[in-house]
């Protein structure tokens, strides 16, 4: 096909190569490990990527009617449902990924590479101000790295949060809390 008012032609399927990070083919990026244990299923990386690399774009999300344990907060008041296997990227206090909700991107953390075979995880309070379903963390980070009870950024020590990538809506809510004396 030809684009209207243009001399550009859309490439044929033989001519085009769309990188995975533009339109992710999730089965090539991750595999699911199903578990009979409640909340035990997880996503495992099929690719190795350097620190800071783009893992995938979030392309199948829809607005969530309300905050839920499966939703991801994208602004001060809005949540989305991922509608894909990305929902199996679990929490860790020592995450392998960051969810950048301004760009709808998932990137490898800045401080280490991602290895194929590694569980895909992100720090839930980096997107969540107040979680619909707080939980006792079982991430296995150990020692002082594991934060224990995860409720959302609102209930975490501000010095601890400085250790992590935080989405701008979480930063704004932290600033509002500081200004109001909370």
C-alpha atoms as a PDB file:
ATOM      1  CA  UNK A   1       0.000   0.000   0.000  1.00  0.00           C
ATOM      2  CA  UNK A   2       0.930   3.621  -0.515  1.00  0.00           C
ATOM      3  CA  UNK A   3       0.469   6.200   2.226  1.00  0.00           C
ATOM      4  CA  UNK A   4      -1.968   8.995   1.239  1.00  0.00           C
ATOM      5  CA  UNK A   5      -0.289  12.145  -0.112  1.00  0.00           C
ATOM      6  CA  UNK A   6       3.076  10.453  -0.090  1.00  0.00           C
ATOM      7  CA  UNK A   7       5.463   8.689  -2.395  1.00  0.00           C
ATOM      8  CA  UNK A   8       6.531   6.323   0.401  1.00  0.00           C
ATOM      9  CA  UNK A   9       5.457   2.725   0.040  1.00  0.00           C
ATOM     10  CA  UNK A  10       4.954   0.377   2.974  1.00  0.00           C
ATOM     11  CA  UNK A  11       7.613  -2.358   2.803  1.00  0.00           C
ATOM     12  CA  UNK A  12       6.498  -5.902   2.084  1.00  0.00           C
ATOM     13  CA  UNK A  13       6.866  -8.517   4.806  1.00  0.00           C
ATOM     14  CA  UNK A  14      10.029  -9.763   3.061  1.00  0.00           C
ATOM     15  CA  UNK A  15      11.518  -6.247   3.129  1.00  0.00           C
ATOM     16  CA  UNK A  16      10.562  -5.210   6.626  1.00  0.00           C
ATOM     17  CA  UNK A  17      12.220  -6.025   9.885  1.00  0.00           C
ATOM     18  CA  UNK A  18      10.491  -4.662  12.939  1.00  0.00           C
ATOM     19  CA  UNK A  19      12.712  -5.011  16.002  1.00  0.00           C
ATOM     20  CA  UNK A  20      11.231  -6.769  19.024  1.00  0.00           C
ATOM     21  CA  UNK A  21      11.491  -3.665  21.160  1.00  0.00           C
ATOM     22  CA  UNK A  22       9.254  -1.694  18.767  1.00  0.00           C
ATOM     23  CA  UNK A  23       6.482  -4.301  18.613  1.00  0.00           C
ATOM     24  CA  UNK A  24       7.436  -6.991  21.093  1.00  0.00           C
ATOM     25  CA  UNK A  25       7.014 -10.640  20.224  1.00  0.00           C
ATOM     26  CA  UNK A  26       6.846 -11.680  23.857  1.00  0.00           C
ATOM     27  CA  UNK A  27       7.377 -15.421  23.242  1.00  0.00           C
ATOM     28  CA  UNK A  28      10.834 -14.518  21.904  1.00  0.00           C
ATOM     29  CA  UNK A  29      11.624 -12.359  24.955  1.00  0.00           C
ATOM     30  CA  UNK A  30      10.225 -14.327  27.869  1.00  0.00           C
ATOM     31  CA  UNK A  31       8.811 -17.658  28.901  1.00  0.00           C
ATOM     32  CA  UNK A  32       6.309 -18.345  31.638  1.00  0.00           C
ATOM     33  CA  UNK A  33       6.943 -20.698  34.509  1.00  0.00           C
ATOM     34  CA  UNK A  34       3.518 -21.676  35.795  1.00  0.00           C
ATOM     35  CA  UNK A  35       3.082 -22.570  39.454  1.00  0.00           C
ATOM     36  CA  UNK A  36       0.207 -24.101  41.378  1.00  0.00           C
ATOM     37  CA  UNK A  37       1.219 -21.853  44.292  1.00  0.00           C
ATOM     38  CA  UNK A  38      -0.776 -18.624  44.619  1.00  0.00           C
ATOM     39  CA  UNK A  39       1.138 -15.799  42.889  1.00  0.00           C
ATOM     40  CA  UNK A  40       3.978 -18.256  42.162  1.00  0.00           C
ATOM     41  CA  UNK A  41       3.977 -18.085  38.354  1.00  0.00           C
ATOM     42  CA  UNK A  42       6.738 -15.959  36.868  1.00  0.00           C
ATOM     43  CA  UNK A  43       8.371 -14.698  33.682  1.00  0.00           C
ATOM     44  CA  UNK A  44      11.898 -15.798  32.773  1.00  0.00           C
ATOM     45  CA  UNK A  45      14.083 -13.928  30.280  1.00  0.00           C
ATOM     46  CA  UNK A  46      14.974 -15.665  27.026  1.00  0.00           C
ATOM     47  CA  UNK A  47      17.428 -12.903  26.083  1.00  0.00           C
ATOM     48  CA  UNK A  48      20.605 -11.391  27.474  1.00  0.00           C
ATOM     49  CA  UNK A  49      20.806  -7.593  27.319  1.00  0.00           C
ATOM     50  CA  UNK A  50      23.223  -4.978  28.650  1.00  0.00           C
ATOM     51  CA  UNK A  51      22.310  -2.670  31.529  1.00  0.00           C
ATOM     52  CA  UNK A  52      19.918   0.117  30.527  1.00  0.00           C
ATOM     53  CA  UNK A  53      18.722  -1.636  27.343  1.00  0.00           C
ATOM     54  CA  UNK A  54      15.149  -1.549  26.185  1.00  0.00           C
ATOM     55  CA  UNK A  55      13.532  -4.923  26.908  1.00  0.00           C
ATOM     56  CA  UNK A  56      10.049  -4.234  25.500  1.00  0.00           C
ATOM     57  CA  UNK A  57       7.424  -1.598  24.881  1.00  0.00           C
ATOM     58  CA  UNK A  58       4.043  -1.915  26.550  1.00  0.00           C
ATOM     59  CA  UNK A  59       1.702  -2.082  23.565  1.00  0.00           C
ATOM     60  CA  UNK A  60      -1.368  -4.072  24.657  1.00  0.00           C
ATOM     61  CA  UNK A  61      -2.443  -2.172  27.766  1.00  0.00           C
ATOM     62  CA  UNK A  62      -5.951  -0.909  28.409  1.00  0.00           C
ATOM     63  CA  UNK A  63      -7.203   1.468  31.124  1.00  0.00           C
ATOM     64  CA  UNK A  64      -8.004  -0.361  34.336  1.00  0.00           C
ATOM     65  CA  UNK A  65     -11.448   0.424  35.771  1.00  0.00           C
ATOM     66  CA  UNK A  66      -9.873   0.409  39.245  1.00  0.00           C
ATOM     67  CA  UNK A  67      -6.634  -0.336  41.057  1.00  0.00           C
ATOM     68  CA  UNK A  68      -6.055  -4.108  41.242  1.00  0.00           C
ATOM     69  CA  UNK A  69      -3.239  -6.513  42.051  1.00  0.00           C
ATOM     70  CA  UNK A  70      -2.735  -7.037  38.288  1.00  0.00           C
ATOM     71  CA  UNK A  71      -2.792  -3.347  37.326  1.00  0.00           C
ATOM     72  CA  UNK A  72       0.151  -0.976  36.934  1.00  0.00           C
ATOM     73  CA  UNK A  73      -0.128   2.659  38.009  1.00  0.00           C
ATOM     74  CA  UNK A  74       0.718   5.072  35.172  1.00  0.00           C
ATOM     75  CA  UNK A  75      -0.136   8.446  36.712  1.00  0.00           C
ATOM     76  CA  UNK A  76      -1.253   9.913  40.017  1.00  0.00           C
ATOM     77  CA  UNK A  77      -4.772   8.509  39.549  1.00  0.00           C
ATOM     78  CA  UNK A  78      -4.723   6.073  36.626  1.00  0.00           C
ATOM     79  CA  UNK A  79      -3.887   2.381  36.291  1.00  0.00           C
ATOM     80  CA  UNK A  80      -3.621   0.062  33.295  1.00  0.00           C
ATOM     81  CA  UNK A  81      -3.998  -3.659  32.767  1.00  0.00           C
ATOM     82  CA  UNK A  82      -1.088  -5.005  30.712  1.00  0.00           C
ATOM     83  CA  UNK A  83      -3.186  -7.609  28.830  1.00  0.00           C
ATOM     84  CA  UNK A  84      -0.136  -9.730  28.073  1.00  0.00           C
ATOM     85  CA  UNK A  85       2.370 -12.080  29.650  1.00  0.00           C
ATOM     86  CA  UNK A  86       4.120  -8.984  31.016  1.00  0.00           C
ATOM     87  CA  UNK A  87       1.735  -9.345  33.982  1.00  0.00           C
ATOM     88  CA  UNK A  88       3.981 -12.235  35.141  1.00  0.00           C
ATOM     89  CA  UNK A  89       6.918  -9.893  35.744  1.00  0.00           C
ATOM     90  CA  UNK A  90       6.969 -10.116  39.512  1.00  0.00           C
ATOM     91  CA  UNK A  91       8.252  -7.853  42.273  1.00  0.00           C
ATOM     92  CA  UNK A  92      11.795  -7.953  43.585  1.00  0.00           C
ATOM     93  CA  UNK A  93      13.697  -5.674  45.932  1.00  0.00           C
ATOM     94  CA  UNK A  94      16.665  -6.399  43.643  1.00  0.00           C
ATOM     95  CA  UNK A  95      14.919  -6.027  40.259  1.00  0.00           C
ATOM     96  CA  UNK A  96      16.184  -6.926  36.794  1.00  0.00           C
ATOM     97  CA  UNK A  97      13.911  -4.418  35.004  1.00  0.00           C
ATOM     98  CA  UNK A  98      12.303  -1.001  35.390  1.00  0.00           C
ATOM     99  CA  UNK A  99       8.832  -0.084  34.143  1.00  0.00           C
ATOM    100  CA  UNK A 100       8.949   3.445  32.686  1.00  0.00           C
ATOM    101  CA  UNK A 101       5.277   4.365  32.545  1.00  0.00           C
ATOM    102  CA  UNK A 102       5.809   7.758  30.879  1.00  0.00           C
ATOM    103  CA  UNK A 103       7.284   6.018  27.849  1.00  0.00           C
ATOM    104  CA  UNK A 104       5.420   2.706  28.236  1.00  0.00           C
ATOM    105  CA  UNK A 105       8.798   0.971  28.151  1.00  0.00           C
ATOM    106  CA  UNK A 106      10.379  -1.820  30.123  1.00  0.00           C
ATOM    107  CA  UNK A 107      14.159  -1.493  30.411  1.00  0.00           C
ATOM    108  CA  UNK A 108      16.982  -3.457  31.998  1.00  0.00           C
ATOM    109  CA  UNK A 109      18.096  -1.843  35.277  1.00  0.00           C
ATOM    110  CA  UNK A 110      21.048   0.529  34.978  1.00  0.00           C
ATOM    111  CA  UNK A 111      23.329  -1.249  37.452  1.00  0.00           C
ATOM    112  CA  UNK A 112      23.615  -4.729  35.871  1.00  0.00           C
ATOM    113  CA  UNK A 113      23.069  -6.765  32.729  1.00  0.00           C
ATOM    114  CA  UNK A 114      20.104  -9.075  32.186  1.00  0.00           C
ATOM    115  CA  UNK A 115      21.004 -12.717  31.516  1.00  0.00           C
ATOM    116  CA  UNK A 116      18.919 -15.271  29.654  1.00  0.00           C
ATOM    117  CA  UNK A 117      17.325 -17.603  32.202  1.00  0.00           C
ATOM    118  CA  UNK A 118      17.012 -14.881  34.851  1.00  0.00           C
ATOM    119  CA  UNK A 119      13.614 -14.134  36.440  1.00  0.00           C
ATOM    120  CA  UNK A 120      12.095 -10.893  35.139  1.00  0.00           C
ATOM    121  CA  UNK A 121      11.272  -8.607  38.044  1.00  0.00           C
ATOM    122  CA  UNK A 122      10.665  -4.963  38.871  1.00  0.00           C
ATOM    123  CA  UNK A 123      10.320  -2.964  42.080  1.00  0.00           C
ATOM    124  CA  UNK A 124       6.541  -2.544  42.475  1.00  0.00           C
ATOM    125  CA  UNK A 125       6.730   0.722  44.490  1.00  0.00           C
ATOM    126  CA  UNK A 126       8.468   2.292  41.465  1.00  0.00           C
ATOM    127  CA  UNK A 127       5.010   2.474  39.852  1.00  0.00           C
ATOM    128  CA  UNK A 128       2.615   1.938  42.765  1.00  0.00           C
ATOM    129  CA  UNK A 129       1.803   4.654  45.308  1.00  0.00           C
ATOM    130  CA  UNK A 130      -0.654   2.577  47.327  1.00  0.00           C
ATOM    131  CA  UNK A 131      -1.051  -1.076  46.396  1.00  0.00           C
ATOM    132  CA  UNK A 132      -4.431  -2.760  46.086  1.00  0.00           C
ATOM    133  CA  UNK A 133      -3.043  -5.890  47.701  1.00  0.00           C
ATOM    134  CA  UNK A 134       0.008  -5.404  49.981  1.00  0.00           C
ATOM    135  CA  UNK A 135       2.116  -8.541  50.481  1.00  0.00           C
ATOM    136  CA  UNK A 136       5.055  -9.965  52.396  1.00  0.00           C
ATOM    137  CA  UNK A 137       7.973  -9.959  49.994  1.00  0.00           C
ATOM    138  CA  UNK A 138       9.536 -13.307  49.142  1.00  0.00           C
ATOM    139  CA  UNK A 139      11.936 -11.993  46.500  1.00  0.00           C
ATOM    140  CA  UNK A 140      14.936 -13.696  48.072  1.00  0.00           C
ATOM    141  CA  UNK A 141      17.153 -10.603  47.922  1.00  0.00           C
ATOM    142  CA  UNK A 142      18.065 -11.326  51.534  1.00  0.00           C
ATOM    143  CA  UNK A 143      19.566  -9.235  54.280  1.00  0.00           C
ATOM    144  CA  UNK A 144      18.710  -5.557  54.344  1.00  0.00           C
ATOM    145  CA  UNK A 145      18.089  -5.531  50.575  1.00  0.00           C
ATOM    146  CA  UNK A 146      14.663  -7.204  50.922  1.00  0.00           C
ATOM    147  CA  UNK A 147      12.157  -4.635  52.168  1.00  0.00           C
ATOM    148  CA  UNK A 148       9.722  -7.095  53.814  1.00  0.00           C
ATOM    149  CA  UNK A 149       6.143  -5.887  53.600  1.00  0.00           C
ATOM    150  CA  UNK A 150       5.411  -4.206  50.254  1.00  0.00           C
ATOM    151  CA  UNK A 151       2.509  -1.736  50.366  1.00  0.00           C
ATOM    152  CA  UNK A 152       3.534   0.898  47.824  1.00  0.00           C
ATOM    153  CA  UNK A 153       5.798   3.955  47.783  1.00  0.00           C
ATOM    154  CA  UNK A 154       3.496   5.912  50.120  1.00  0.00           C
ATOM    155  CA  UNK A 155       4.427   3.658  53.045  1.00  0.00           C
ATOM    156  CA  UNK A 156       8.157   3.279  52.380  1.00  0.00           C
ATOM    157  CA  UNK A 157      11.060   5.133  53.932  1.00  0.00           C
ATOM    158  CA  UNK A 158      12.104   7.929  51.546  1.00  0.00           C
ATOM    159  CA  UNK A 159      15.803   7.075  51.894  1.00  0.00           C
ATOM    160  CA  UNK A 160      15.055   3.493  50.773  1.00  0.00           C
ATOM    161  CA  UNK A 161      13.123   4.747  47.743  1.00  0.00           C
ATOM    162  CA  UNK A 162      16.175   6.773  46.651  1.00  0.00           C
ATOM    163  CA  UNK A 163      17.896   3.456  45.874  1.00  0.00           C
ATOM    164  CA  UNK A 164      15.454   2.761  43.033  1.00  0.00           C
ATOM    165  CA  UNK A 165      14.209   4.125  39.730  1.00  0.00           C
ATOM    166  CA  UNK A 166      10.857   5.809  40.454  1.00  0.00           C
ATOM    167  CA  UNK A 167       8.272   6.895  37.915  1.00  0.00           C
ATOM    168  CA  UNK A 168       7.504  10.614  37.778  1.00  0.00           C
ATOM    169  CA  UNK A 169       3.988  10.181  39.205  1.00  0.00           C
ATOM    170  CA  UNK A 170       5.470   8.489  42.294  1.00  0.00           C
ATOM    171  CA  UNK A 171       8.029  11.292  42.642  1.00  0.00           C
ATOM    172  CA  UNK A 172       5.233  13.899  42.378  1.00  0.00           C
ATOM    173  CA  UNK A 173       3.178  12.119  45.039  1.00  0.00           C
ATOM    174  CA  UNK A 174       6.226  11.955  47.323  1.00  0.00           C
ATOM    175  CA  UNK A 175       6.757  15.710  46.864  1.00  0.00           C
ATOM    176  CA  UNK A 176       3.092  16.412  47.633  1.00  0.00           C
ATOM    177  CA  UNK A 177       3.366  14.292  50.779  1.00  0.00           C
ATOM    178  CA  UNK A 178       6.517  16.137  51.857  1.00  0.00           C
ATOM    179  CA  UNK A 179       4.894  19.526  51.240  1.00  0.00           C
ATOM    180  CA  UNK A 180       1.828  18.576  53.247  1.00  0.00           C
ATOM    181  CA  UNK A 181       3.986  17.261  56.083  1.00  0.00           C
ATOM    182  CA  UNK A 182       2.963  13.624  55.593  1.00  0.00           C
END
